[in-house]
Amino acid sequence: MRKQMRGGTETRHRQTPTMPRGAVRASLAARMKRLLFPAWLGLCLASSVAVAELRVPAFTAYLDPSPEGARVSEKNGIRGWKDPALKVLWFGDVRSAGTFTASVALRLPAGIVSKLRLTAAGQSRDASVTGAGEDKIVTAGFGGFDAKAAGPLRFALASLNAAGSPAGDLDALLLDGPAMVDAHFNLEERRNAASVHLAYPTPKELPIEGFYDEVTAVDDPTSTFYMACGWHRGYFGMQVNSATERRIIFSVWDSGNEAVDRAKVPKEDRVQLLAKGDGVVANDFGNEGTGGHSHRVFPWKTGETQRFYVTARPADATHTIYTGYFLAAGETRWQLVASFKAPKDGGRLRGLHSFSENFWGSNGHLRRKALYGDQWIRTSDGRWTELTVATFSHDPTGKKARLDRSMGIEGGRFYLLHGGFGPASTRFGERFERIPTGKAPVIDLPEVPGI
């Protein structure tokens, strides 16, 4: 889904033709080689460091501190920037130390002057640019910078204009120079951090009726979903919806292939709500498959461990009842979130996993990290088994566009990290094993009539 910009131009050289035989011609060739080699070497060295201009679109940038402080779109770049308190941020990764030049392409009304400041690699440069008309691009040149080391690089563009004055409608950040050889930037419109996943392998034939997991958020930007208990028919976790609202979410997918509109799903393919807990909202969902959704508004906090437990009970040969229970940090009584009856099923839990998602891209530059553990499963005969192995994966965004995604073990628990444009990159499919605790959870579930 994403492209990786490569700043260097590829240089190819022809092989020297075979020289005719003969001492005279051999001598002449040797003399010519001695005469021309220094110039040829200089040309090759110049070619090896020459770089094509690296164009980083404005629509890949982020607005700080308010993501809504201007309009960002793939078609028009950044428009309506008139607040000098708002900064425009780009992030990249340089593969080697070196110098580079930077400029910004933008549009301004004819005769309007904009004063801007660009900060990168610990250096700030100012530039003024005069508009040539709103349909014509002009360039603000900031001169040279020195990236003293390889690694993440942040570009912050600030307006030095009065409040209410147009800073310019931004088209692109333009970079050139040796430091930009093989530099990596996200160049496509999707600004979300890559989604990252843990997969817990279990034997296919194992009759799993319960899946327990704990999640402790380390970071909590808005538009974050830390999903604890995922399986082949649904997901269960905690979400940051806004600066003032957080939720516990439990959802189960319908049968069939409808991806968007639940109104198109036949009745026999729909999951059925059987029960929901106090204060829980239950309704439909779509646009990612369809199904039954439930959530409870709950102010969970970073640094506190929340506990999740999902159960599966076959109702008959073709239906399974999936139920989600939640135990908040500091509480002792498990609470029902919701219970759904899923058609065309009749089985147990399989495909167990967890994930972390940045579901809205306007703040995809912020780091998201959570700890996952302990993980346990309960089989139909009542036995508990600890899950201590997990493998890492990511969505297509993490393949090339966003390499700031990783998994590991910290304090005896798995962690998932994505966003932040830091030096974090774990190989797809890498396997991790944590130390077992050996302490199965003690779960006293509330009685739920009808399930």
Protein backbone atom coordinates (compact mmCIF):
# COMPACT_ATOMS: atom_id res chain seq x y z
CA MET A 1 0.00 0.00 0.00
CA ARG A 2 2.86 2.39 0.59
CA LYS A 3 5.90 3.43 -1.36
CA GLN A 4 9.40 3.90 -0.07
CA MET A 5 11.11 6.94 -1.57
CA ARG A 6 14.68 6.33 -2.55
CA GLY A 7 16.60 9.56 -2.82
CA GLY A 8 19.61 8.30 -4.82
CA THR A 9 19.90 8.03 -8.60
CA GLU A 10 21.19 4.76 -9.94
CA THR A 11 24.40 5.05 -12.00
CA ARG A 12 25.33 2.40 -14.56
CA HIS A 13 28.61 2.18 -16.54
CA ARG A 14 29.27 0.33 -19.77
CA GLN A 15 31.94 -2.29 -19.81
CA THR A 16 35.11 -1.30 -21.72
CA PRO A 17 35.21 -3.05 -25.14
CA THR A 18 37.93 -5.67 -25.62
CA MET A 19 41.07 -3.97 -27.00
CA PRO A 20 42.53 -5.19 -30.29
CA ARG A 21 45.68 -7.24 -30.03
CA GLY A 22 49.06 -5.71 -30.69
CA ALA A 23 51.72 -4.09 -28.61
CA VAL A 24 51.17 -0.60 -30.04
CA ARG A 25 47.50 -0.55 -29.35
CA ALA A 26 48.05 -2.08 -25.88
CA SER A 27 50.53 0.66 -25.07
CA LEU A 28 48.18 3.35 -26.35
CA ALA A 29 45.35 1.94 -24.25
CA ALA A 30 47.51 1.96 -21.12
CA ARG A 31 48.52 5.58 -21.73
CA MET A 32 44.91 6.65 -22.29
CA LYS A 33 43.83 4.88 -19.14
CA ARG A 34 46.46 6.75 -17.09
CA LEU A 35 45.40 10.05 -18.59
CA LEU A 36 41.65 9.61 -18.31
CA PHE A 37 41.31 7.62 -15.08
CA PRO A 38 41.33 10.63 -12.69
CA ALA A 39 38.57 12.37 -14.64
CA TRP A 40 36.57 9.14 -14.96
CA LEU A 41 36.91 8.50 -11.21
CA GLY A 42 35.77 12.02 -10.40
CA LEU A 43 32.73 11.57 -12.62
CA CYS A 44 31.84 8.26 -10.93
CA LEU A 45 32.24 9.73 -7.45
CA ALA A 46 30.04 12.69 -8.35
CA SER A 47 27.42 10.35 -9.81
CA SER A 48 27.40 8.11 -6.75
CA VAL A 49 26.36 10.95 -4.45
CA ALA A 50 24.05 12.76 -6.84
CA VAL A 51 20.46 12.55 -5.66
CA ALA A 52 17.17 13.30 -7.28
CA GLU A 53 15.05 15.79 -5.41
CA LEU A 54 12.97 14.06 -2.78
CA ARG A 55 9.42 15.39 -2.73
CA VAL A 56 7.47 14.74 0.46
CA PRO A 57 3.81 15.68 -0.10
CA ALA A 58 2.14 18.09 2.29
CA PHE A 59 -0.74 15.67 2.76
CA THR A 60 1.62 13.33 4.63
CA ALA A 61 2.36 15.96 7.29
CA TYR A 62 0.78 16.37 10.73
CA LEU A 63 -0.58 19.46 12.45
CA ASP A 64 0.48 20.24 15.99
CA PRO A 65 -0.99 20.87 18.50
CA SER A 66 -4.41 20.73 16.81
CA PRO A 67 -4.98 18.17 14.02
CA GLU A 68 -7.99 20.25 12.97
CA GLY A 69 -6.06 23.54 12.76
CA ALA A 70 -6.01 23.43 8.95
CA ARG A 71 -7.41 21.24 6.17
CA VAL A 72 -5.33 18.30 4.95
CA SER A 73 -6.22 16.37 1.79
CA GLU A 74 -4.47 14.36 -0.91
CA LYS A 75 -5.91 16.62 -3.61
CA ASN A 76 -5.08 20.03 -2.10
CA GLY A 77 -2.29 19.43 0.40
CA ILE A 78 -2.61 21.70 3.45
CA ARG A 79 -4.96 24.65 3.14
CA GLY A 80 -6.27 27.34 5.44
CA TRP A 81 -3.19 27.62 7.65
CA LYS A 82 -3.53 30.99 9.39
CA ASP A 83 -2.64 30.23 13.01
CA PRO A 84 1.01 30.92 13.95
CA ALA A 85 0.60 28.63 16.97
CA LEU A 86 0.12 25.70 14.60
CA LYS A 87 3.14 23.81 13.31
CA VAL A 88 3.34 21.49 10.31
CA LEU A 89 5.39 18.36 10.96
CA TRP A 90 7.03 15.86 8.61
CA PHE A 91 8.95 12.80 9.75
CA GLY A 92 11.55 10.72 7.97
CA ASP A 93 14.52 8.47 8.48
CA VAL A 94 17.96 9.18 7.03
CA ARG A 95 20.25 6.24 6.44
CA SER A 96 23.53 8.16 6.73
CA ALA A 97 24.84 11.42 8.13
CA GLY A 98 25.33 14.28 5.69
CA THR A 99 24.15 17.62 4.43
CA PHE A 100 20.92 18.44 2.66
CA THR A 101 18.96 21.43 1.44
CA ALA A 102 15.28 22.01 2.15
CA SER A 103 12.53 24.11 0.63
CA VAL A 104 8.74 24.15 0.71
CA ALA A 105 6.48 24.45 -2.33
CA LEU A 106 3.29 26.39 -1.65
CA ARG A 107 0.61 28.66 -3.09
CA LEU A 108 -0.17 32.23 -2.02
CA PRO A 109 -2.35 35.03 -3.39
CA ALA A 110 -0.39 37.34 -5.69
CA GLY A 111 1.72 39.87 -3.80
CA ILE A 112 1.17 38.30 -0.36
CA VAL A 113 4.37 37.71 1.60
CA SER A 114 4.70 34.76 3.98
CA LYS A 115 7.52 34.38 6.49
CA LEU A 116 8.29 30.82 7.54
CA ARG A 117 10.77 28.96 9.73
CA LEU A 118 11.89 25.37 9.17
CA THR A 119 13.57 23.43 11.98
CA ALA A 120 15.34 20.12 11.33
CA ALA A 121 18.36 18.27 12.75
CA GLY A 122 18.56 20.83 15.57
CA GLN A 123 18.91 23.77 13.17
CA SER A 124 16.41 26.48 12.20
CA ARG A 125 16.31 28.49 8.98
CA ASP A 126 13.97 31.35 8.00
CA ALA A 127 12.63 32.20 4.57
CA SER A 128 10.24 34.70 2.99
CA VAL A 129 8.24 33.99 -0.13
CA THR A 130 5.92 36.18 -2.22
CA GLY A 131 2.79 34.75 -3.75
CA ALA A 132 2.24 34.59 -7.51
CA GLY A 133 -1.45 33.68 -7.41
CA GLU A 134 -3.44 30.92 -5.75
CA ASP A 135 -3.03 28.63 -8.77
CA LYS A 136 0.75 29.05 -9.02
CA ILE A 137 3.37 27.33 -6.90
CA VAL A 138 6.20 29.33 -5.37
CA THR A 139 9.10 27.99 -3.36
CA ALA A 140 10.41 29.05 0.04
CA GLY A 141 14.08 28.04 0.19
CA PHE A 142 15.63 27.43 3.60
CA GLY A 143 19.15 26.60 2.50
CA GLY A 144 21.40 23.91 3.94
CA PHE A 145 21.15 21.66 6.98
CA ASP A 146 23.50 19.08 8.45
CA ALA A 147 22.19 15.71 9.63
CA LYS A 148 24.97 14.74 12.00
CA ALA A 149 23.82 11.15 12.42
CA ALA A 150 21.65 8.56 10.73
CA GLY A 151 18.22 7.97 12.19
CA PRO A 152 14.82 9.61 12.62
CA LEU A 153 14.52 13.20 11.40
CA ARG A 154 11.73 15.63 12.28
CA PHE A 155 10.86 18.68 10.18
CA ALA A 156 8.81 21.43 11.85
CA LEU A 157 7.49 24.28 9.72
CA ALA A 158 6.33 27.35 11.65
CA SER A 159 4.54 30.49 10.53
CA LEU A 160 6.13 33.82 11.49
CA ASN A 161 3.12 35.73 10.19
CA ALA A 162 0.49 37.56 12.20
CA ALA A 163 -2.53 35.58 13.37
CA GLY A 164 -5.13 35.42 10.61
CA SER A 165 -2.60 36.00 7.83
CA PRO A 166 -2.19 33.15 5.34
CA ALA A 167 1.01 31.20 5.78
CA GLY A 168 0.41 29.55 2.40
CA ASP A 169 -1.34 26.48 1.05
CA LEU A 170 1.37 23.84 1.25
CA ASP A 171 2.13 21.48 -1.61
CA ALA A 172 5.32 19.64 -0.58
CA LEU A 173 8.54 19.58 1.38
CA LEU A 174 11.46 19.39 -1.07
CA LEU A 175 14.75 17.83 0.02
CA ASP A 176 18.07 17.31 -1.75
CA GLY A 177 21.63 16.36 -0.89
CA PRO A 178 23.79 13.44 0.27
CA ALA A 179 21.84 12.86 3.50
CA MET A 180 18.74 12.11 1.44
CA VAL A 181 20.26 9.09 -0.34
CA ASP A 182 17.93 6.17 0.54
CA ALA A 183 16.05 8.38 3.03
CA HIS A 184 12.72 6.91 4.02
CA PHE A 185 9.45 8.87 4.22
CA ASN A 186 5.81 7.90 4.02
CA LEU A 187 4.72 9.33 0.65
CA GLU A 188 1.08 8.32 0.54
CA GLU A 189 -2.03 9.93 1.94
CA ARG A 190 -2.73 7.43 4.72
CA ARG A 191 -1.21 8.94 7.85
CA ASN A 192 -2.27 6.25 10.33
CA ALA A 193 0.45 4.41 12.19
CA ALA A 194 0.64 0.79 11.08
CA SER A 195 -1.70 -1.60 12.88
CA VAL A 196 0.24 -4.25 14.80
CA HIS A 197 -0.81 -7.70 15.96
CA LEU A 198 0.04 -10.59 18.29
CA ALA A 199 -1.02 -14.09 17.24
CA TYR A 200 -1.18 -16.81 19.88
CA PRO A 201 -0.72 -20.29 18.38
CA THR A 202 -2.99 -23.03 19.78
CA PRO A 203 -3.71 -26.59 18.59
CA LYS A 204 -6.53 -26.61 16.05
CA GLU A 205 -8.36 -29.47 17.74
CA LEU A 206 -8.34 -27.85 21.20
CA PRO A 207 -11.93 -27.07 22.39
CA ILE A 208 -11.29 -23.54 23.73
CA GLU A 209 -14.27 -22.12 25.56
CA GLY A 210 -12.58 -19.17 27.29
CA PHE A 211 -9.79 -16.69 26.44
CA TYR A 212 -8.36 -14.40 29.13
CA ASP A 213 -6.01 -11.46 28.56
CA GLU A 214 -4.78 -8.37 30.38
CA VAL A 215 -3.89 -5.01 28.83
CA THR A 216 -1.98 -2.11 30.34
CA ALA A 217 -1.82 1.04 28.22
CA VAL A 218 1.49 2.90 28.28
CA ASP A 219 0.43 5.66 25.86
CA ASP A 220 -3.09 6.90 25.23
CA PRO A 221 -3.46 9.19 22.19
CA THR A 222 -6.97 9.60 20.87
CA SER A 223 -8.00 7.27 18.03
CA THR A 224 -6.33 4.30 19.69
CA PHE A 225 -7.85 0.83 20.11
CA TYR A 226 -5.96 -1.64 22.29
CA MET A 227 -7.65 -4.94 21.47
CA ALA A 228 -7.12 -7.67 24.07
CA CYS A 229 -9.15 -10.72 23.05
CA GLY A 230 -9.55 -11.32 19.34
CA TRP A 231 -10.78 -14.49 17.71
CA HIS A 232 -12.18 -15.63 14.36
CA ARG A 233 -15.62 -14.05 15.00
CA GLY A 234 -14.93 -10.90 16.97
CA TYR A 235 -12.84 -8.58 19.11
CA PHE A 236 -12.81 -7.22 22.66
CA GLY A 237 -10.72 -4.36 24.05
CA MET A 238 -10.45 -0.72 25.09
CA GLN A 239 -10.50 2.44 23.03
CA VAL A 240 -9.68 6.16 23.29
CA ASN A 241 -12.47 7.93 21.42
CA SER A 242 -11.75 11.53 22.36
CA ALA A 243 -10.04 13.66 24.97
CA THR A 244 -13.02 13.08 27.27
CA GLU A 245 -14.36 9.62 26.36
CA ARG A 246 -13.01 6.08 26.57
CA ARG A 247 -14.79 2.83 25.91
CA ILE A 248 -14.73 -0.91 26.46
CA ILE A 249 -15.78 -2.52 23.15
CA PHE A 250 -17.07 -6.03 22.42
CA SER A 251 -18.19 -6.92 18.89
CA VAL A 252 -19.08 -10.07 16.95
CA TRP A 253 -19.17 -10.42 13.16
CA ASP A 254 -22.13 -11.60 11.11
CA SER A 255 -21.89 -14.51 8.71
CA GLY A 256 -21.70 -13.84 4.97
CA ASN A 257 -19.54 -11.51 2.90
CA GLU A 258 -21.17 -8.08 3.27
CA ALA A 259 -18.39 -5.63 4.14
CA VAL A 260 -20.20 -2.31 4.54
CA ASP A 261 -23.98 -2.18 5.07
CA ARG A 262 -25.64 -4.40 7.68
CA ALA A 263 -29.05 -3.63 6.19
CA LYS A 264 -28.02 -5.89 3.31
CA VAL A 265 -27.29 -8.85 5.58
CA PRO A 266 -30.04 -11.54 5.58
CA LYS A 267 -31.62 -12.25 8.95
CA GLU A 268 -30.22 -15.78 9.03
CA ASP A 269 -26.66 -14.36 8.78
CA ARG A 270 -27.00 -11.77 11.55
CA VAL A 271 -25.66 -12.20 15.06
CA GLN A 272 -28.34 -11.76 17.72
CA LEU A 273 -27.93 -9.78 20.93
CA LEU A 274 -28.91 -11.97 23.91
CA ALA A 275 -27.89 -9.76 26.84
CA LYS A 276 -25.91 -6.68 27.77
CA GLY A 277 -24.54 -5.24 30.98
CA ASP A 278 -25.59 -2.12 32.86
CA GLY A 279 -24.69 1.05 30.97
CA VAL A 280 -23.78 -0.87 27.82
CA VAL A 281 -24.89 0.42 24.39
CA ALA A 282 -25.56 -2.25 21.77
CA ASN A 283 -26.19 -1.67 18.07
CA ASP A 284 -24.95 -2.55 14.57
CA PHE A 285 -21.58 -1.93 12.94
CA GLY A 286 -20.38 -1.95 9.35
CA ASN A 287 -17.61 -0.80 7.02
CA GLU A 288 -15.20 -3.50 8.27
CA GLY A 289 -17.51 -6.41 7.79
CA THR A 290 -20.80 -6.18 9.68
CA GLY A 291 -22.04 -7.43 12.99
CA GLY A 292 -23.29 -6.70 16.48
CA HIS A 293 -21.47 -4.00 18.40
CA SER A 294 -21.52 -3.18 22.11
CA HIS A 295 -19.64 -0.69 24.23
CA ARG A 296 -19.51 0.71 27.71
CA VAL A 297 -18.16 4.20 28.32
CA PHE A 298 -15.51 3.71 30.99
CA PRO A 299 -12.57 5.95 32.07
CA TRP A 300 -9.76 3.39 32.04
CA LYS A 301 -6.30 4.86 32.67
CA THR A 302 -2.78 4.36 31.43
CA GLY A 303 -0.57 2.37 33.76
CA GLU A 304 -3.51 0.39 35.13
CA THR A 305 -4.18 -3.21 34.12
CA GLN A 306 -7.59 -4.00 32.65
CA ARG A 307 -8.78 -7.62 32.34
CA PHE A 308 -10.84 -9.19 29.58
CA TYR A 309 -12.47 -12.60 29.23
CA VAL A 310 -14.44 -13.93 26.28
CA THR A 311 -16.32 -17.23 26.28
CA ALA A 312 -17.75 -19.45 23.55
CA ARG A 313 -20.62 -21.88 24.14
CA PRO A 314 -22.17 -23.80 21.24
CA ALA A 315 -25.95 -23.35 21.36
CA ASP A 316 -26.51 -26.04 18.74
CA ALA A 317 -24.74 -27.48 15.72
CA THR A 318 -24.82 -24.18 13.81
CA HIS A 319 -24.86 -21.44 16.48
CA THR A 320 -22.35 -20.28 19.12
CA ILE A 321 -22.96 -17.85 21.96
CA TYR A 322 -20.03 -15.46 22.46
CA THR A 323 -19.94 -13.43 25.69
CA GLY A 324 -17.54 -10.73 26.84
CA TYR A 325 -16.76 -9.95 30.51
CA PHE A 326 -14.64 -7.08 31.84
CA LEU A 327 -12.80 -6.54 35.13
CA ALA A 328 -11.56 -3.00 35.64
CA ALA A 329 -8.36 -2.17 37.52
CA GLY A 330 -9.01 -2.03 41.24
CA GLU A 331 -12.34 -3.83 41.03
CA THR A 332 -13.13 -7.36 42.23
CA ARG A 333 -16.37 -8.17 40.41
CA TRP A 334 -16.47 -9.14 36.76
CA GLN A 335 -19.04 -7.25 34.69
CA LEU A 336 -20.97 -8.46 31.66
CA VAL A 337 -20.41 -6.37 28.55
CA ALA A 338 -22.59 -8.28 26.09
CA SER A 339 -23.56 -11.68 24.73
CA PHE A 340 -24.25 -12.43 21.06
CA LYS A 341 -25.53 -15.56 19.33
CA ALA A 342 -23.60 -16.12 16.10
CA PRO A 343 -25.11 -18.11 13.20
CA LYS A 344 -23.36 -20.59 10.91
CA ASP A 345 -20.93 -21.49 13.64
CA GLY A 346 -21.45 -24.07 16.40
CA GLY A 347 -17.73 -24.17 17.30
CA ARG A 348 -15.37 -22.82 19.92
CA LEU A 349 -12.75 -20.08 19.97
CA ARG A 350 -9.93 -20.16 17.42
CA GLY A 351 -7.53 -17.73 15.75
CA LEU A 352 -6.68 -16.06 19.07
CA HIS A 353 -4.89 -12.72 18.78
CA SER A 354 -4.47 -9.18 20.11
CA PHE A 355 -3.75 -5.95 18.26
CA SER A 356 -3.22 -2.21 18.54
CA GLU A 357 -4.78 0.15 16.03
CA ASN A 358 -4.62 3.84 15.18
CA PHE A 359 -8.04 4.15 13.56
CA TRP A 360 -7.85 7.82 12.55
CA GLY A 361 -4.77 9.19 10.81
CA SER A 362 -4.69 12.83 11.88
CA ASN A 363 -2.47 11.94 14.86
CA GLY A 364 -0.68 8.92 13.42
CA HIS A 365 2.67 10.48 14.34
CA LEU A 366 2.07 9.88 18.04
CA ARG A 367 3.46 6.79 19.74
CA ARG A 368 1.12 4.04 20.92
CA LYS A 369 2.31 1.34 23.28
CA ALA A 370 0.57 -1.24 25.46
CA LEU A 371 1.56 -4.30 27.47
CA TYR A 372 -0.32 -7.57 26.91
CA GLY A 373 -0.30 -10.36 29.50
CA ASP A 374 -1.06 -12.73 31.07
CA GLN A 375 -2.82 -14.83 28.40
CA TRP A 376 -4.73 -17.98 29.36
CA ILE A 377 -7.23 -20.28 27.70
CA ARG A 378 -9.83 -22.53 29.33
CA THR A 379 -10.90 -25.72 27.58
CA SER A 380 -14.34 -27.29 27.70
CA ASP A 381 -13.21 -29.70 30.44
CA GLY A 382 -12.37 -26.78 32.74
CA ARG A 383 -8.58 -26.87 32.41
CA TRP A 384 -6.53 -23.66 32.16
CA THR A 385 -3.49 -23.41 29.86
CA GLU A 386 -1.12 -20.45 29.78
CA LEU A 387 -0.20 -18.94 26.39
CA THR A 388 3.42 -17.84 26.44
CA VAL A 389 4.24 -17.67 22.71
CA ALA A 390 3.15 -14.97 20.25
CA THR A 391 4.16 -13.93 16.75
CA PHE A 392 4.25 -10.41 15.36
CA SER A 393 2.51 -9.08 12.27
CA HIS A 394 1.38 -5.75 10.86
CA ASP A 395 -0.99 -4.40 8.24
CA PRO A 396 0.11 -3.33 4.71
CA THR A 397 0.94 0.16 6.01
CA GLY A 398 3.74 -1.37 8.04
CA LYS A 399 5.34 -3.03 5.03
CA LYS A 400 6.98 0.06 3.49
CA ALA A 401 5.29 3.30 4.52
CA ARG A 402 5.56 3.07 8.30
CA LEU A 403 8.45 1.10 9.75
CA ASP A 404 7.94 2.48 13.27
CA ARG A 405 6.25 -0.68 14.55
CA SER A 406 7.53 -3.35 16.89
CA MET A 407 6.82 -6.10 19.38
CA GLY A 408 8.85 -7.39 22.29
CA ILE A 409 8.80 -8.53 25.90
CA GLU A 410 8.91 -6.13 28.82
CA GLY A 411 8.47 -7.03 32.48
CA GLY A 412 7.35 -10.53 31.56
CA ARG A 413 4.63 -9.30 29.21
CA PHE A 414 4.40 -8.83 25.47
CA TYR A 415 4.25 -5.29 24.20
CA LEU A 416 3.07 -3.75 20.96
CA LEU A 417 4.40 -0.37 19.83
CA HIS A 418 3.56 1.67 16.75
CA GLY A 419 3.80 5.30 15.71
CA GLY A 420 6.19 7.96 16.92
CA PHE A 421 8.58 7.61 13.95
CA GLY A 422 11.21 6.19 16.27
CA PRO A 423 13.78 3.48 15.49
CA ALA A 424 11.39 0.59 16.09
CA SER A 425 11.03 -2.17 13.52
CA THR A 426 10.30 -5.85 14.19
CA ARG A 427 10.41 -8.46 11.44
CA PHE A 428 7.03 -9.69 10.24
CA GLY A 429 6.39 -13.16 11.66
CA GLU A 430 9.01 -12.90 14.41
CA ARG A 431 8.26 -15.20 17.34
CA PHE A 432 8.52 -14.23 21.02
CA GLU A 433 8.17 -16.31 24.16
CA ARG A 434 7.61 -14.83 27.60
CA ILE A 435 8.32 -16.47 30.95
CA PRO A 436 5.20 -18.22 32.28
CA THR A 437 3.65 -17.02 35.52
CA GLY A 438 2.02 -20.36 36.29
CA LYS A 439 -0.86 -18.55 38.02
CA ALA A 440 -4.17 -19.21 36.30
CA PRO A 441 -6.80 -16.50 36.69
CA VAL A 442 -9.61 -16.93 39.20
CA ILE A 443 -12.78 -15.80 37.44
CA ASP A 444 -16.13 -15.60 39.19
CA LEU A 445 -18.55 -14.66 36.42
CA PRO A 446 -21.93 -13.07 37.05
CA GLU A 447 -25.03 -15.05 36.19
CA VAL A 448 -26.61 -13.95 32.92
CA PRO A 449 -30.16 -15.20 32.29
CA GLY A 450 -30.60 -16.85 28.90
CA ILE A 451 -26.96 -17.73 28.28
